[in-house]
Amino acid sequence: MKKLIPLAVLVSAPMLGSAATLTDSFQVLLNLQSSCTLDSTTDLNFNDQTDADVIAGGIDADNTVTVTCSDGADFTINLSDGANFGNGPVGTERAMKSGNSSYVSYELYSDSGRTTAWTSADNVAFDGTGANQDIPIYGRIPAQTPTIDAADDFNATGLSLSDTVTVTLTY
């Protein structure tokens, strides 16, 4: 006759030998970099002015550059001299140009009182907020006599002048 071992005895019997448990660890790493985007720019538009207005000067306009930089990230904005620097009636300033060679000089400032000039040598500093930031740029046409090219003439639509300033965001 065969001898039967009750099942309960087999289940509760201690296991022979012991299992080894080994542990180690690893780190979870991230080098979080700040980021910035140059979201948009608006045109600096002095609108319609007469030559008498330009001779009198003090014509103001402003625009914005919208950026988004990480909260706490330091960044600077630089504005180029534009395409016509030094060619206008005020030879040491930026200038707008007609399709020919008529010029009107203008200035850019970093403050609404127009006391701090924003030249191409200036990298104006800001702190990121993590949200869109509108950075204002203030323009002024100082008193001057416009340089009018003989090939240009005033007509019902006026004489259109423009310049292109490059915005550089560094962070």
N, C-alpha and C. Protein backbone atom coordinates (compact mmCIF):
# COMPACT_ATOMS: atom_id res chain seq x y z
N MET A 1 0.82 -1.14 0.00
CA MET A 1 0.00 0.00 0.00
C MET A 1 0.88 1.23 0.00
N LYS A 2 0.44 2.19 -0.75
CA LYS A 2 1.21 3.41 -0.86
C LYS A 2 0.83 4.34 0.26
N LYS A 3 1.82 5.08 0.66
CA LYS A 3 1.59 6.02 1.73
C LYS A 3 1.35 7.40 1.13
N LEU A 4 0.33 8.07 1.56
CA LEU A 4 -0.01 9.38 1.04
C LEU A 4 0.38 10.44 2.06
N ILE A 5 0.99 11.52 1.53
CA ILE A 5 1.34 12.65 2.41
C ILE A 5 0.23 13.68 2.23
N PRO A 6 -0.29 14.10 3.33
CA PRO A 6 -1.38 15.08 3.20
C PRO A 6 -0.87 16.36 2.49
N LEU A 7 -1.72 16.91 1.67
CA LEU A 7 -1.38 18.09 0.89
C LEU A 7 -1.04 19.26 1.78
N ALA A 8 -1.68 19.46 2.84
CA ALA A 8 -1.43 20.58 3.75
C ALA A 8 -0.01 20.53 4.26
N VAL A 9 0.54 19.38 4.44
CA VAL A 9 1.90 19.24 4.92
C VAL A 9 2.87 19.70 3.84
N LEU A 10 2.61 19.38 2.59
CA LEU A 10 3.51 19.80 1.52
C LEU A 10 3.51 21.31 1.35
N VAL A 11 2.37 21.92 1.44
CA VAL A 11 2.27 23.36 1.23
C VAL A 11 2.94 24.10 2.37
N SER A 12 2.87 23.62 3.56
CA SER A 12 3.41 24.35 4.69
C SER A 12 4.84 23.95 5.00
N ALA A 13 5.39 23.03 4.29
CA ALA A 13 6.76 22.59 4.56
C ALA A 13 7.73 23.70 4.18
N PRO A 14 8.75 23.95 4.96
CA PRO A 14 9.72 25.00 4.64
C PRO A 14 10.48 24.62 3.38
N MET A 15 10.86 25.69 2.58
CA MET A 15 11.59 25.46 1.35
C MET A 15 13.03 25.22 1.73
N LEU A 16 13.59 24.36 1.02
CA LEU A 16 14.97 24.08 1.28
C LEU A 16 15.84 25.07 0.53
N GLY A 17 16.93 25.55 1.07
CA GLY A 17 17.82 26.55 0.47
C GLY A 17 17.24 27.95 0.71
N SER A 18 18.03 29.00 0.43
CA SER A 18 17.51 30.36 0.60
C SER A 18 17.76 31.13 -0.69
N ALA A 19 16.87 32.08 -1.00
CA ALA A 19 16.99 32.91 -2.20
C ALA A 19 17.80 34.15 -1.84
N ALA A 20 18.66 34.60 -2.73
CA ALA A 20 19.45 35.81 -2.50
C ALA A 20 18.73 36.98 -3.16
N THR A 21 18.77 38.15 -2.54
CA THR A 21 18.18 39.36 -3.09
C THR A 21 19.28 40.40 -3.22
N LEU A 22 19.45 40.91 -4.43
CA LEU A 22 20.47 41.92 -4.69
C LEU A 22 19.78 43.21 -5.10
N THR A 23 20.32 44.32 -4.69
CA THR A 23 19.74 45.61 -5.09
C THR A 23 20.84 46.54 -5.60
N ASP A 24 20.44 47.47 -6.41
CA ASP A 24 21.30 48.54 -6.90
C ASP A 24 20.37 49.72 -7.14
N SER A 25 20.92 50.82 -7.55
CA SER A 25 20.07 51.98 -7.79
C SER A 25 20.58 52.74 -9.01
N PHE A 26 19.78 53.62 -9.53
CA PHE A 26 20.20 54.50 -10.62
C PHE A 26 19.58 55.87 -10.38
N GLN A 27 20.18 56.86 -10.99
CA GLN A 27 19.66 58.22 -10.87
C GLN A 27 18.82 58.55 -12.09
N VAL A 28 17.88 59.41 -11.89
CA VAL A 28 17.08 59.95 -12.98
C VAL A 28 17.54 61.39 -13.15
N LEU A 29 18.06 61.73 -14.35
CA LEU A 29 18.72 63.02 -14.56
C LEU A 29 18.04 63.83 -15.65
N LEU A 30 18.17 65.12 -15.53
CA LEU A 30 17.68 66.05 -16.54
C LEU A 30 18.48 67.33 -16.40
N ASN A 31 18.96 67.85 -17.50
CA ASN A 31 19.61 69.16 -17.51
C ASN A 31 18.62 70.09 -18.21
N LEU A 32 17.83 70.82 -17.44
CA LEU A 32 16.76 71.65 -17.97
C LEU A 32 17.34 72.97 -18.45
N GLN A 33 17.18 73.25 -19.74
CA GLN A 33 17.71 74.46 -20.36
C GLN A 33 16.59 75.50 -20.49
N SER A 34 16.98 76.75 -20.37
CA SER A 34 16.00 77.81 -20.62
C SER A 34 15.72 77.86 -22.12
N SER A 35 14.58 78.43 -22.47
CA SER A 35 14.25 78.57 -23.89
C SER A 35 13.57 79.92 -24.11
N CYS A 36 13.69 80.40 -25.31
CA CYS A 36 13.04 81.65 -25.71
C CYS A 36 12.54 81.51 -27.14
N THR A 37 11.45 82.20 -27.43
CA THR A 37 10.98 82.31 -28.80
C THR A 37 10.71 83.77 -29.10
N LEU A 38 11.03 84.15 -30.32
CA LEU A 38 10.70 85.49 -30.81
C LEU A 38 9.38 85.33 -31.54
N ASP A 39 8.29 85.66 -30.86
CA ASP A 39 6.96 85.32 -31.34
C ASP A 39 6.47 86.21 -32.47
N SER A 40 6.65 87.52 -32.34
CA SER A 40 6.15 88.41 -33.38
C SER A 40 6.74 89.81 -33.21
N THR A 41 6.63 90.58 -34.27
CA THR A 41 6.98 92.00 -34.24
C THR A 41 5.87 92.77 -34.94
N THR A 42 5.69 94.01 -34.54
CA THR A 42 4.76 94.88 -35.25
C THR A 42 5.56 95.99 -35.90
N ASP A 43 5.00 96.59 -36.93
CA ASP A 43 5.69 97.67 -37.63
C ASP A 43 5.66 98.95 -36.80
N LEU A 44 6.72 99.72 -36.91
CA LEU A 44 6.80 101.05 -36.30
C LEU A 44 6.33 102.01 -37.39
N ASN A 45 5.12 102.53 -37.24
CA ASN A 45 4.48 103.30 -38.32
C ASN A 45 4.27 104.75 -37.87
N PHE A 46 4.97 105.66 -38.51
CA PHE A 46 4.81 107.08 -38.23
C PHE A 46 3.61 107.67 -38.98
N ASN A 47 2.91 106.86 -39.74
CA ASN A 47 1.70 107.24 -40.47
C ASN A 47 1.95 108.40 -41.43
N ASP A 48 0.90 109.13 -41.76
CA ASP A 48 1.00 110.24 -42.71
C ASP A 48 1.50 111.50 -42.01
N GLN A 49 2.54 112.08 -42.54
CA GLN A 49 3.10 113.33 -42.00
C GLN A 49 3.42 114.25 -43.17
N THR A 50 3.37 115.55 -42.94
CA THR A 50 3.78 116.50 -43.98
C THR A 50 5.26 116.79 -43.83
N ASP A 51 5.84 117.38 -44.89
CA ASP A 51 7.24 117.77 -44.77
C ASP A 51 7.41 118.82 -43.67
N ALA A 52 6.39 119.66 -43.46
CA ALA A 52 6.44 120.65 -42.37
C ALA A 52 6.48 119.95 -41.01
N ASP A 53 5.74 118.83 -40.86
CA ASP A 53 5.77 118.06 -39.61
C ASP A 53 7.17 117.52 -39.35
N VAL A 54 7.83 117.01 -40.40
CA VAL A 54 9.17 116.45 -40.26
C VAL A 54 10.17 117.56 -39.93
N ILE A 55 10.03 118.72 -40.55
CA ILE A 55 10.92 119.85 -40.24
C ILE A 55 10.76 120.25 -38.78
N ALA A 56 9.54 120.24 -38.27
CA ALA A 56 9.28 120.58 -36.86
C ALA A 56 9.78 119.49 -35.92
N GLY A 57 9.71 118.22 -36.35
CA GLY A 57 10.20 117.09 -35.56
C GLY A 57 9.29 116.71 -34.42
N GLY A 58 9.78 115.81 -33.60
CA GLY A 58 9.02 115.35 -32.44
C GLY A 58 7.86 114.43 -32.79
N ILE A 59 7.95 113.73 -33.92
CA ILE A 59 6.90 112.81 -34.33
C ILE A 59 7.19 111.46 -33.69
N ASP A 60 6.27 111.00 -32.86
CA ASP A 60 6.49 109.76 -32.10
C ASP A 60 5.60 108.62 -32.58
N ALA A 61 6.12 107.42 -32.47
CA ALA A 61 5.39 106.19 -32.75
C ALA A 61 6.02 105.08 -31.92
N ASP A 62 5.33 103.97 -31.76
CA ASP A 62 5.91 102.84 -31.06
C ASP A 62 5.41 101.54 -31.66
N ASN A 63 6.12 100.48 -31.34
CA ASN A 63 5.73 99.14 -31.76
C ASN A 63 6.14 98.16 -30.67
N THR A 64 5.89 96.88 -30.89
CA THR A 64 6.26 95.87 -29.90
C THR A 64 6.93 94.68 -30.56
N VAL A 65 7.78 94.06 -29.77
CA VAL A 65 8.37 92.77 -30.09
C VAL A 65 7.85 91.83 -29.02
N THR A 66 7.22 90.75 -29.42
CA THR A 66 6.67 89.81 -28.44
C THR A 66 7.58 88.58 -28.36
N VAL A 67 8.01 88.28 -27.13
CA VAL A 67 8.88 87.13 -26.88
C VAL A 67 8.28 86.28 -25.76
N THR A 68 8.67 85.02 -25.74
CA THR A 68 8.34 84.13 -24.63
C THR A 68 9.63 83.46 -24.20
N CYS A 69 10.04 83.70 -22.96
CA CYS A 69 11.25 83.09 -22.40
C CYS A 69 10.91 82.40 -21.09
N SER A 70 11.65 81.37 -20.77
CA SER A 70 11.44 80.63 -19.52
C SER A 70 11.42 81.57 -18.34
N ASP A 71 10.63 81.24 -17.36
CA ASP A 71 10.54 82.05 -16.14
C ASP A 71 11.92 82.16 -15.51
N GLY A 72 12.38 83.38 -15.31
CA GLY A 72 13.69 83.61 -14.71
C GLY A 72 14.86 83.62 -15.68
N ALA A 73 14.61 83.31 -16.94
CA ALA A 73 15.69 83.30 -17.93
C ALA A 73 16.07 84.73 -18.30
N ASP A 74 17.36 85.02 -18.27
CA ASP A 74 17.86 86.32 -18.71
C ASP A 74 17.94 86.32 -20.23
N PHE A 75 17.52 87.43 -20.85
CA PHE A 75 17.67 87.55 -22.30
C PHE A 75 17.91 89.00 -22.67
N THR A 76 18.47 89.21 -23.86
CA THR A 76 18.69 90.56 -24.36
C THR A 76 18.08 90.69 -25.75
N ILE A 77 17.74 91.92 -26.08
CA ILE A 77 17.25 92.24 -27.42
C ILE A 77 18.15 93.30 -28.01
N ASN A 78 18.58 93.06 -29.25
CA ASN A 78 19.41 94.00 -29.99
C ASN A 78 18.65 94.41 -31.24
N LEU A 79 18.75 95.68 -31.59
CA LEU A 79 18.13 96.20 -32.81
C LEU A 79 19.23 96.66 -33.75
N SER A 80 19.20 96.20 -34.98
CA SER A 80 20.23 96.58 -35.95
C SER A 80 20.09 98.06 -36.32
N ASP A 81 21.07 98.56 -37.04
CA ASP A 81 21.04 99.95 -37.51
C ASP A 81 20.05 100.15 -38.65
N GLY A 82 19.53 99.09 -39.20
CA GLY A 82 18.66 99.20 -40.37
C GLY A 82 19.50 99.26 -41.63
N ALA A 83 18.84 99.33 -42.76
CA ALA A 83 19.52 99.26 -44.05
C ALA A 83 20.09 100.59 -44.52
N ASN A 84 19.66 101.70 -43.88
CA ASN A 84 20.02 103.02 -44.40
C ASN A 84 20.74 103.90 -43.39
N PHE A 85 21.36 103.28 -42.40
CA PHE A 85 22.00 104.05 -41.33
C PHE A 85 23.00 105.06 -41.91
N GLY A 86 22.91 106.29 -41.41
CA GLY A 86 23.87 107.32 -41.79
C GLY A 86 23.58 108.01 -43.11
N ASN A 87 22.56 107.57 -43.84
CA ASN A 87 22.26 108.17 -45.14
C ASN A 87 21.25 109.31 -45.07
N GLY A 88 20.59 109.46 -43.93
CA GLY A 88 19.54 110.47 -43.83
C GLY A 88 20.08 111.86 -43.52
N PRO A 89 19.17 112.82 -43.36
CA PRO A 89 19.55 114.19 -43.05
C PRO A 89 20.36 114.31 -41.75
N VAL A 90 20.08 113.42 -40.78
CA VAL A 90 20.88 113.36 -39.56
C VAL A 90 21.80 112.15 -39.75
N GLY A 91 23.02 112.40 -40.17
CA GLY A 91 23.93 111.36 -40.63
C GLY A 91 24.37 110.33 -39.61
N THR A 92 24.05 110.55 -38.34
CA THR A 92 24.47 109.61 -37.30
C THR A 92 23.30 108.75 -36.81
N GLU A 93 22.23 108.69 -37.58
CA GLU A 93 21.04 107.97 -37.15
C GLU A 93 20.52 107.03 -38.23
N ARG A 94 19.59 106.18 -37.82
CA ARG A 94 18.87 105.33 -38.76
C ARG A 94 18.06 106.22 -39.69
N ALA A 95 17.74 105.70 -40.87
CA ALA A 95 16.96 106.50 -41.83
C ALA A 95 16.02 105.62 -42.62
N MET A 96 14.85 106.20 -42.94
CA MET A 96 13.91 105.59 -43.87
C MET A 96 14.23 106.13 -45.26
N LYS A 97 14.02 105.30 -46.27
CA LYS A 97 14.39 105.65 -47.65
C LYS A 97 13.20 105.42 -48.57
N SER A 98 13.09 106.27 -49.57
CA SER A 98 12.06 106.08 -50.61
C SER A 98 12.56 105.05 -51.62
N GLY A 99 11.77 104.82 -52.65
CA GLY A 99 12.18 103.92 -53.71
C GLY A 99 13.39 104.44 -54.47
N ASN A 100 13.59 105.74 -54.46
CA ASN A 100 14.78 106.35 -55.06
C ASN A 100 15.77 106.61 -53.93
N SER A 101 16.06 107.85 -53.67
CA SER A 101 17.01 108.14 -52.59
C SER A 101 16.58 109.34 -51.75
N SER A 102 15.31 109.41 -51.41
CA SER A 102 14.84 110.40 -50.44
C SER A 102 14.96 109.77 -49.06
N TYR A 103 15.33 110.58 -48.06
CA TYR A 103 15.57 110.04 -46.72
C TYR A 103 14.93 110.91 -45.64
N VAL A 104 14.49 110.25 -44.57
CA VAL A 104 14.09 110.89 -43.32
C VAL A 104 14.71 110.07 -42.20
N SER A 105 15.44 110.75 -41.33
CA SER A 105 16.10 110.06 -40.21
C SER A 105 15.10 109.81 -39.07
N TYR A 106 15.39 108.77 -38.28
CA TYR A 106 14.56 108.46 -37.12
C TYR A 106 15.45 107.88 -36.02
N GLU A 107 14.90 107.84 -34.81
CA GLU A 107 15.63 107.32 -33.64
C GLU A 107 14.77 106.27 -32.96
N LEU A 108 15.41 105.32 -32.28
CA LEU A 108 14.71 104.30 -31.49
C LEU A 108 15.14 104.43 -30.04
N TYR A 109 14.18 104.17 -29.13
CA TYR A 109 14.42 104.31 -27.70
C TYR A 109 13.85 103.10 -26.96
N SER A 110 14.41 102.84 -25.78
CA SER A 110 13.91 101.74 -24.95
C SER A 110 12.95 102.22 -23.87
N ASP A 111 12.71 103.54 -23.78
CA ASP A 111 11.80 104.06 -22.75
C ASP A 111 10.79 105.01 -23.38
N SER A 112 9.63 105.09 -22.77
CA SER A 112 8.55 105.91 -23.33
C SER A 112 8.85 107.40 -23.31
N GLY A 113 9.73 107.84 -22.42
CA GLY A 113 10.13 109.24 -22.38
C GLY A 113 11.12 109.60 -23.48
N ARG A 114 11.57 108.57 -24.19
CA ARG A 114 12.52 108.74 -25.30
C ARG A 114 13.79 109.46 -24.85
N THR A 115 14.33 108.97 -23.73
CA THR A 115 15.58 109.53 -23.22
C THR A 115 16.74 108.54 -23.33
N THR A 116 16.45 107.24 -23.47
CA THR A 116 17.49 106.23 -23.58
C THR A 116 17.49 105.65 -24.99
N ALA A 117 18.44 106.12 -25.80
CA ALA A 117 18.52 105.66 -27.20
C ALA A 117 18.81 104.16 -27.24
N TRP A 118 18.21 103.49 -28.21
CA TRP A 118 18.43 102.05 -28.43
C TRP A 118 19.22 101.93 -29.72
N THR A 119 20.54 101.92 -29.58
CA THR A 119 21.41 101.83 -30.75
C THR A 119 21.76 100.37 -31.02
N SER A 120 22.42 100.12 -32.13
CA SER A 120 22.80 98.75 -32.45
C SER A 120 23.89 98.22 -31.51
N ALA A 121 24.51 99.11 -30.76
CA ALA A 121 25.53 98.68 -29.79
C ALA A 121 24.89 98.23 -28.47
N ASP A 122 23.60 98.47 -28.32
CA ASP A 122 22.91 98.16 -27.06
C ASP A 122 22.22 96.80 -27.12
N ASN A 123 22.52 95.98 -26.13
CA ASN A 123 21.79 94.74 -25.90
C ASN A 123 20.96 94.98 -24.64
N VAL A 124 19.70 95.32 -24.82
CA VAL A 124 18.84 95.68 -23.69
C VAL A 124 18.40 94.40 -22.99
N ALA A 125 18.59 94.36 -21.66
CA ALA A 125 18.37 93.14 -20.88
C ALA A 125 16.96 93.07 -20.29
N PHE A 126 16.44 91.85 -20.25
CA PHE A 126 15.12 91.58 -19.69
C PHE A 126 15.16 90.25 -18.94
N ASP A 127 14.13 89.98 -18.13
CA ASP A 127 13.98 88.71 -17.42
C ASP A 127 12.73 88.01 -17.94
N GLY A 128 12.86 86.74 -18.28
CA GLY A 128 11.73 85.96 -18.76
C GLY A 128 10.72 85.70 -17.67
N THR A 129 9.46 85.58 -18.07
CA THR A 129 8.37 85.32 -17.13
C THR A 129 7.70 83.97 -17.36
N GLY A 130 8.06 83.30 -18.46
CA GLY A 130 7.38 82.06 -18.81
C GLY A 130 6.12 82.30 -19.63
N ALA A 131 5.77 83.56 -19.84
CA ALA A 131 4.58 83.92 -20.63
C ALA A 131 5.00 84.92 -21.72
N ASN A 132 4.08 85.22 -22.62
CA ASN A 132 4.35 86.23 -23.65
C ASN A 132 4.69 87.55 -22.98
N GLN A 133 5.74 88.20 -23.48
CA GLN A 133 6.12 89.52 -23.01
C GLN A 133 6.18 90.45 -24.21
N ASP A 134 5.45 91.54 -24.13
CA ASP A 134 5.49 92.57 -25.16
C ASP A 134 6.56 93.58 -24.78
N ILE A 135 7.61 93.63 -25.59
CA ILE A 135 8.72 94.56 -25.37
C ILE A 135 8.46 95.78 -26.25
N PRO A 136 8.22 96.94 -25.65
CA PRO A 136 7.94 98.12 -26.46
C PRO A 136 9.22 98.74 -27.03
N ILE A 137 9.10 99.27 -28.23
CA ILE A 137 10.17 100.04 -28.88
C ILE A 137 9.55 101.39 -29.24
N TYR A 138 10.22 102.46 -28.84
CA TYR A 138 9.69 103.79 -29.03
C TYR A 138 10.49 104.51 -30.11
N GLY A 139 9.80 105.05 -31.10
CA GLY A 139 10.47 105.74 -32.20
C GLY A 139 10.16 107.23 -32.20
N ARG A 140 11.08 107.98 -32.79
CA ARG A 140 10.88 109.42 -32.93
C ARG A 140 11.56 109.90 -34.20
N ILE A 141 10.88 110.78 -34.91
CA ILE A 141 11.48 111.51 -36.02
C ILE A 141 11.90 112.86 -35.45
N PRO A 142 13.21 113.12 -35.36
CA PRO A 142 13.65 114.42 -34.83
C PRO A 142 13.50 115.51 -35.90
N ALA A 143 13.59 116.75 -35.45
CA ALA A 143 13.51 117.89 -36.38
C ALA A 143 14.62 117.78 -37.42
N GLN A 144 14.23 117.93 -38.70
CA GLN A 144 15.18 117.82 -39.81
C GLN A 144 14.52 118.27 -41.09
N THR A 145 15.31 118.56 -42.06
CA THR A 145 14.79 118.82 -43.40
C THR A 145 14.95 117.53 -44.20
N PRO A 146 13.84 116.94 -44.66
CA PRO A 146 13.95 115.69 -45.42
C PRO A 146 14.84 115.87 -46.64
N THR A 147 15.59 114.82 -46.95
CA THR A 147 16.38 114.81 -48.18
C THR A 147 15.49 114.23 -49.27
N ILE A 148 15.14 115.05 -50.26
CA ILE A 148 14.23 114.61 -51.32
C ILE A 148 15.01 114.43 -52.62
N ASP A 149 14.98 113.24 -53.16
CA ASP A 149 15.64 112.93 -54.43
C ASP A 149 14.83 113.55 -55.58
N ALA A 150 15.53 114.08 -56.57
CA ALA A 150 14.87 114.71 -57.72
C ALA A 150 13.96 113.74 -58.47
N ALA A 151 14.25 112.45 -58.39
CA ALA A 151 13.43 111.45 -59.08
C ALA A 151 12.12 111.18 -58.33
N ASP A 152 12.03 111.61 -57.07
CA ASP A 152 10.81 111.44 -56.28
C ASP A 152 9.96 112.69 -56.38
N ASP A 153 8.64 112.53 -56.41
CA ASP A 153 7.77 113.69 -56.32
C ASP A 153 6.59 113.34 -55.42
N PHE A 154 6.08 114.38 -54.80
CA PHE A 154 4.91 114.20 -53.96
C PHE A 154 3.68 114.15 -54.85
N ASN A 155 2.81 113.22 -54.57
CA ASN A 155 1.55 113.16 -55.31
C ASN A 155 0.43 112.91 -54.31
N ALA A 156 -0.73 112.58 -54.81
CA ALA A 156 -1.89 112.43 -53.93
C ALA A 156 -1.71 111.35 -52.88
N THR A 157 -0.87 110.36 -53.18
CA THR A 157 -0.68 109.28 -52.20
C THR A 157 0.52 109.52 -51.30
N GLY A 158 1.29 110.58 -51.55
CA GLY A 158 2.45 110.89 -50.72
C GLY A 158 3.68 110.15 -51.19
N LEU A 159 4.75 110.32 -50.45
CA LEU A 159 6.03 109.69 -50.75
C LEU A 159 6.30 108.65 -49.67
N SER A 160 6.32 107.40 -50.03
CA SER A 160 6.49 106.31 -49.07
C SER A 160 7.98 106.08 -48.78
N LEU A 161 8.31 106.05 -47.50
CA LEU A 161 9.69 105.77 -47.06
C LEU A 161 9.64 104.62 -46.06
N SER A 162 10.69 103.81 -46.05
CA SER A 162 10.73 102.68 -45.11
C SER A 162 12.17 102.29 -44.80
N ASP A 163 12.31 101.48 -43.80
CA ASP A 163 13.59 100.89 -43.41
C ASP A 163 13.28 99.54 -42.79
N THR A 164 14.26 98.68 -42.71
CA THR A 164 14.09 97.37 -42.08
C THR A 164 15.12 97.23 -40.97
N VAL A 165 14.62 97.03 -39.75
CA VAL A 165 15.47 96.83 -38.59
C VAL A 165 15.38 95.36 -38.19
N THR A 166 16.52 94.73 -37.97
CA THR A 166 16.55 93.32 -37.55
C THR A 166 16.58 93.25 -36.03
N VAL A 167 15.72 92.39 -35.48
CA VAL A 167 15.65 92.16 -34.03
C VAL A 167 16.41 90.88 -33.74
N THR A 168 17.35 90.95 -32.78
CA THR A 168 18.10 89.75 -32.37
C THR A 168 17.83 89.48 -30.90
N LEU A 169 17.33 88.30 -30.60
CA LEU A 169 17.05 87.85 -29.24
C LEU A 169 18.15 86.88 -28.83
N THR A 170 18.83 87.18 -27.74
CA THR A 170 19.91 86.31 -27.25
C THR A 170 19.58 85.88 -25.82
N TYR A 171 19.72 84.59 -25.54
CA TYR A 171 19.47 84.07 -24.18
C TYR A 171 20.47 83.01 -23.82
